[in-house]
Amino acid sequence: MLELDKKVFGNIMTKEIIGSEPPISEIKNIFEKELENLLGKLKLISIKDLENLLEQQKICKKHINTRPGAMALDQPKIEMFNDYNNKYLEKISEKIN
């Protein structure tokens, strides 16, 4: 069972990605704002904390993608999460290296 209230991308929770609310038309703006906010915070994080953050985001990615084939889940929102999360993971990796 998925933890629906788990924050998986900034303040975005699992239930917002796999559920019907908010609609896809709204979640894109939410993802944009969260990514901007998260990237701004990267400047203040130590390398060790960045490494921990990278691992936590990878865990969040696995968490969301545990049931990607379930037809009842909102596939476009899961794909959008993966796109934004991959951008974030890439920036974290760049800061570490």
N, C-alpha and C. Protein backbone atom coordinates (compact mmCIF):
# COMPACT_ATOMS: atom_id res chain seq x y z
N MET A 1 0.84 -1.19 0.00
CA MET A 1 0.00 0.00 0.00
C MET A 1 0.87 1.24 0.00
N LEU A 2 0.53 2.18 -0.81
CA LEU A 2 1.28 3.43 -0.90
C LEU A 2 0.91 4.38 0.24
N GLU A 3 1.91 5.10 0.73
CA GLU A 3 1.65 6.15 1.72
C GLU A 3 1.13 7.36 0.96
N LEU A 4 -0.14 7.65 1.06
CA LEU A 4 -0.75 8.72 0.27
C LEU A 4 -0.31 10.11 0.71
N ASP A 5 0.02 10.28 1.98
CA ASP A 5 0.42 11.59 2.48
C ASP A 5 1.92 11.81 2.48
N LYS A 6 2.67 10.91 1.87
CA LYS A 6 4.12 11.05 1.79
C LYS A 6 4.47 12.14 0.78
N LYS A 7 5.31 13.09 1.22
CA LYS A 7 5.78 14.14 0.32
C LYS A 7 6.87 13.53 -0.56
N VAL A 8 6.68 13.61 -1.87
CA VAL A 8 7.59 12.96 -2.80
C VAL A 8 8.34 13.93 -3.71
N PHE A 9 7.88 15.17 -3.76
CA PHE A 9 8.54 16.18 -4.59
C PHE A 9 8.23 17.53 -3.98
N GLY A 10 9.12 18.00 -3.12
CA GLY A 10 8.82 19.23 -2.38
C GLY A 10 7.62 19.00 -1.50
N ASN A 11 6.59 19.80 -1.69
CA ASN A 11 5.36 19.64 -0.89
C ASN A 11 4.30 18.81 -1.59
N ILE A 12 4.62 18.26 -2.74
CA ILE A 12 3.66 17.43 -3.48
C ILE A 12 3.63 16.04 -2.87
N MET A 13 2.42 15.58 -2.56
CA MET A 13 2.25 14.28 -1.93
C MET A 13 1.83 13.22 -2.95
N THR A 14 2.03 11.98 -2.56
CA THR A 14 1.68 10.83 -3.40
C THR A 14 0.24 10.94 -3.91
N LYS A 15 -0.68 11.28 -3.03
CA LYS A 15 -2.09 11.30 -3.42
C LYS A 15 -2.38 12.33 -4.51
N GLU A 16 -1.56 13.39 -4.60
CA GLU A 16 -1.76 14.39 -5.63
C GLU A 16 -1.28 13.89 -6.99
N ILE A 17 -0.37 12.94 -6.98
CA ILE A 17 0.15 12.39 -8.24
C ILE A 17 -0.71 11.24 -8.74
N ILE A 18 -1.12 10.36 -7.85
CA ILE A 18 -1.87 9.19 -8.31
C ILE A 18 -3.38 9.39 -8.26
N GLY A 19 -3.83 10.46 -7.62
CA GLY A 19 -5.26 10.71 -7.50
C GLY A 19 -5.81 11.60 -8.60
N SER A 20 -7.09 11.83 -8.55
CA SER A 20 -7.74 12.66 -9.57
C SER A 20 -7.61 14.15 -9.27
N GLU A 21 -7.28 14.51 -8.05
CA GLU A 21 -7.13 15.92 -7.68
C GLU A 21 -5.70 16.19 -7.28
N PRO A 22 -5.10 17.26 -7.67
CA PRO A 22 -5.59 18.24 -8.64
C PRO A 22 -5.52 17.69 -10.06
N PRO A 23 -6.32 18.27 -10.96
CA PRO A 23 -6.31 17.80 -12.35
C PRO A 23 -4.95 18.07 -13.00
N ILE A 24 -4.67 17.36 -14.06
CA ILE A 24 -3.38 17.47 -14.75
C ILE A 24 -3.10 18.90 -15.20
N SER A 25 -4.13 19.64 -15.56
CA SER A 25 -3.94 21.02 -16.01
C SER A 25 -3.37 21.91 -14.89
N GLU A 26 -3.66 21.57 -13.64
CA GLU A 26 -3.17 22.35 -12.50
C GLU A 26 -1.84 21.81 -11.96
N ILE A 27 -1.64 20.52 -12.03
CA ILE A 27 -0.45 19.92 -11.40
C ILE A 27 0.83 20.37 -12.11
N LYS A 28 0.76 20.66 -13.41
CA LYS A 28 1.96 21.12 -14.12
C LYS A 28 2.48 22.41 -13.49
N ASN A 29 1.60 23.35 -13.20
CA ASN A 29 2.03 24.60 -12.55
C ASN A 29 2.59 24.33 -11.17
N ILE A 30 2.00 23.39 -10.47
CA ILE A 30 2.48 23.04 -9.13
C ILE A 30 3.88 22.44 -9.22
N PHE A 31 4.09 21.55 -10.18
CA PHE A 31 5.42 20.96 -10.39
C PHE A 31 6.45 22.04 -10.73
N GLU A 32 6.08 22.97 -11.61
CA GLU A 32 7.00 24.05 -12.00
C GLU A 32 7.44 24.85 -10.78
N LYS A 33 6.48 25.24 -9.96
CA LYS A 33 6.79 26.03 -8.77
C LYS A 33 7.64 25.25 -7.78
N GLU A 34 7.31 23.99 -7.57
CA GLU A 34 8.09 23.16 -6.64
C GLU A 34 9.51 22.96 -7.14
N LEU A 35 9.68 22.70 -8.45
CA LEU A 35 11.01 22.52 -9.00
C LEU A 35 11.84 23.80 -8.81
N GLU A 36 11.25 24.92 -9.12
CA GLU A 36 11.95 26.20 -8.95
C GLU A 36 12.37 26.40 -7.49
N ASN A 37 11.47 26.12 -6.58
CA ASN A 37 11.75 26.24 -5.15
C ASN A 37 12.86 25.28 -4.71
N LEU A 38 12.76 24.03 -5.14
CA LEU A 38 13.74 23.01 -4.76
C LEU A 38 15.12 23.34 -5.32
N LEU A 39 15.17 23.80 -6.57
CA LEU A 39 16.46 24.14 -7.16
C LEU A 39 17.10 25.33 -6.45
N GLY A 40 16.28 26.28 -6.02
CA GLY A 40 16.80 27.42 -5.28
C GLY A 40 17.42 27.00 -3.96
N LYS A 41 16.87 26.00 -3.33
CA LYS A 41 17.37 25.51 -2.04
C LYS A 41 18.67 24.72 -2.17
N LEU A 42 18.96 24.19 -3.36
CA LEU A 42 20.16 23.38 -3.55
C LEU A 42 21.44 24.17 -3.25
N LYS A 43 21.40 25.48 -3.46
CA LYS A 43 22.58 26.32 -3.25
C LYS A 43 23.03 26.32 -1.80
N LEU A 44 22.11 26.04 -0.89
CA LEU A 44 22.40 26.13 0.53
C LEU A 44 22.73 24.80 1.18
N ILE A 45 22.77 23.73 0.40
CA ILE A 45 22.91 22.39 0.97
C ILE A 45 24.34 21.88 0.79
N SER A 46 24.88 21.28 1.84
CA SER A 46 26.24 20.71 1.80
C SER A 46 26.28 19.48 0.90
N ILE A 47 27.49 19.10 0.48
CA ILE A 47 27.66 17.94 -0.39
C ILE A 47 27.10 16.68 0.28
N LYS A 48 27.40 16.48 1.55
CA LYS A 48 26.90 15.30 2.27
C LYS A 48 25.38 15.27 2.28
N ASP A 49 24.76 16.42 2.57
CA ASP A 49 23.31 16.50 2.56
C ASP A 49 22.73 16.32 1.16
N LEU A 50 23.47 16.79 0.15
CA LEU A 50 23.02 16.58 -1.23
C LEU A 50 23.02 15.10 -1.57
N GLU A 51 24.03 14.38 -1.11
CA GLU A 51 24.09 12.94 -1.35
C GLU A 51 22.90 12.23 -0.70
N ASN A 52 22.56 12.65 0.53
CA ASN A 52 21.39 12.08 1.22
C ASN A 52 20.11 12.44 0.48
N LEU A 53 20.02 13.68 0.02
CA LEU A 53 18.84 14.14 -0.72
C LEU A 53 18.67 13.34 -2.00
N LEU A 54 19.77 13.09 -2.68
CA LEU A 54 19.73 12.30 -3.92
C LEU A 54 19.15 10.92 -3.65
N GLU A 55 19.61 10.29 -2.58
CA GLU A 55 19.09 8.97 -2.23
C GLU A 55 17.61 9.03 -1.87
N GLN A 56 17.20 10.06 -1.13
CA GLN A 56 15.79 10.20 -0.75
C GLN A 56 14.90 10.39 -1.97
N GLN A 57 15.37 11.18 -2.94
CA GLN A 57 14.57 11.39 -4.15
C GLN A 57 14.49 10.13 -4.99
N LYS A 58 15.53 9.33 -4.98
CA LYS A 58 15.48 8.04 -5.69
C LYS A 58 14.46 7.11 -5.03
N ILE A 59 14.39 7.16 -3.69
CA ILE A 59 13.40 6.37 -2.97
C ILE A 59 12.00 6.84 -3.31
N CYS A 60 11.81 8.16 -3.40
CA CYS A 60 10.50 8.71 -3.78
C CYS A 60 10.11 8.26 -5.18
N LYS A 61 11.08 8.23 -6.07
CA LYS A 61 10.80 7.78 -7.44
C LYS A 61 10.33 6.33 -7.44
N LYS A 62 11.01 5.48 -6.68
CA LYS A 62 10.58 4.08 -6.58
C LYS A 62 9.19 3.98 -5.97
N HIS A 63 8.94 4.81 -4.95
CA HIS A 63 7.66 4.82 -4.26
C HIS A 63 6.51 5.10 -5.24
N ILE A 64 6.67 6.11 -6.08
CA ILE A 64 5.62 6.48 -7.04
C ILE A 64 5.49 5.44 -8.14
N ASN A 65 6.58 4.84 -8.52
CA ASN A 65 6.57 3.92 -9.65
C ASN A 65 6.37 2.46 -9.26
N THR A 66 5.94 2.20 -8.03
CA THR A 66 5.73 0.81 -7.61
C THR A 66 4.55 0.16 -8.32
N ARG A 67 3.59 0.97 -8.72
CA ARG A 67 2.41 0.42 -9.40
C ARG A 67 2.08 1.23 -10.66
N PRO A 68 3.06 1.50 -11.51
CA PRO A 68 2.78 2.36 -12.65
C PRO A 68 1.84 1.75 -13.68
N GLY A 69 1.67 0.45 -13.68
CA GLY A 69 0.80 -0.18 -14.66
C GLY A 69 -0.65 -0.26 -14.23
N ALA A 70 -0.94 0.12 -13.01
CA ALA A 70 -2.32 0.05 -12.54
C ALA A 70 -3.18 1.05 -13.31
N MET A 71 -4.17 0.56 -14.01
CA MET A 71 -4.97 1.40 -14.89
C MET A 71 -5.74 2.50 -14.17
N ALA A 72 -6.05 2.30 -12.89
CA ALA A 72 -6.82 3.30 -12.17
C ALA A 72 -5.98 4.52 -11.81
N LEU A 73 -4.66 4.39 -11.86
CA LEU A 73 -3.80 5.51 -11.51
C LEU A 73 -3.68 6.48 -12.68
N ASP A 74 -3.43 7.74 -12.35
CA ASP A 74 -3.33 8.78 -13.36
C ASP A 74 -1.95 8.73 -14.02
N GLN A 75 -1.85 8.00 -15.12
CA GLN A 75 -0.57 7.78 -15.80
C GLN A 75 0.11 9.08 -16.25
N PRO A 76 -0.60 10.04 -16.84
CA PRO A 76 0.08 11.28 -17.24
C PRO A 76 0.70 12.03 -16.06
N LYS A 77 0.07 11.99 -14.90
CA LYS A 77 0.65 12.67 -13.73
C LYS A 77 1.87 11.91 -13.22
N ILE A 78 1.85 10.59 -13.31
CA ILE A 78 3.02 9.80 -12.90
C ILE A 78 4.18 10.11 -13.85
N GLU A 79 3.90 10.20 -15.14
CA GLU A 79 4.93 10.54 -16.12
C GLU A 79 5.48 11.94 -15.86
N MET A 80 4.59 12.87 -15.53
CA MET A 80 5.03 14.23 -15.24
C MET A 80 5.91 14.26 -13.99
N PHE A 81 5.52 13.51 -12.96
CA PHE A 81 6.36 13.40 -11.77
C PHE A 81 7.75 12.91 -12.16
N ASN A 82 7.80 11.85 -12.97
CA ASN A 82 9.09 11.29 -13.38
C ASN A 82 9.93 12.31 -14.14
N ASP A 83 9.31 13.08 -15.01
CA ASP A 83 10.04 14.11 -15.76
C ASP A 83 10.64 15.15 -14.83
N TYR A 84 9.83 15.69 -13.94
CA TYR A 84 10.31 16.73 -13.02
C TYR A 84 11.29 16.17 -12.00
N ASN A 85 11.04 14.98 -11.53
CA ASN A 85 11.95 14.36 -10.57
C ASN A 85 13.31 14.09 -11.22
N ASN A 86 13.30 13.65 -12.48
CA ASN A 86 14.56 13.41 -13.19
C ASN A 86 15.35 14.70 -13.37
N LYS A 87 14.67 15.80 -13.66
CA LYS A 87 15.35 17.10 -13.76
C LYS A 87 16.00 17.45 -12.43
N TYR A 88 15.27 17.22 -11.35
CA TYR A 88 15.78 17.53 -10.01
C TYR A 88 16.96 16.62 -9.66
N LEU A 89 16.84 15.33 -9.94
CA LEU A 89 17.93 14.39 -9.68
C LEU A 89 19.19 14.79 -10.46
N GLU A 90 19.00 15.23 -11.69
CA GLU A 90 20.14 15.64 -12.52
C GLU A 90 20.84 16.85 -11.90
N LYS A 91 20.07 17.83 -11.44
CA LYS A 91 20.66 19.03 -10.83
C LYS A 91 21.38 18.70 -9.52
N ILE A 92 20.80 17.79 -8.75
CA ILE A 92 21.47 17.38 -7.50
C ILE A 92 22.80 16.71 -7.83
N SER A 93 22.78 15.81 -8.82
CA SER A 93 24.01 15.13 -9.24
C SER A 93 25.06 16.10 -9.73
N GLU A 94 24.65 17.11 -10.48
CA GLU A 94 25.58 18.13 -10.97
C GLU A 94 26.24 18.87 -9.80
N LYS A 95 25.44 19.20 -8.78
CA LYS A 95 25.98 19.92 -7.61
C LYS A 95 26.96 19.05 -6.83
N ILE A 96 26.72 17.75 -6.79
CA ILE A 96 27.62 16.83 -6.07
C ILE A 96 28.95 16.73 -6.81
N ASN A 97 28.88 16.67 -8.14
CA ASN A 97 30.09 16.51 -8.95
C ASN A 97 30.65 17.87 -9.26
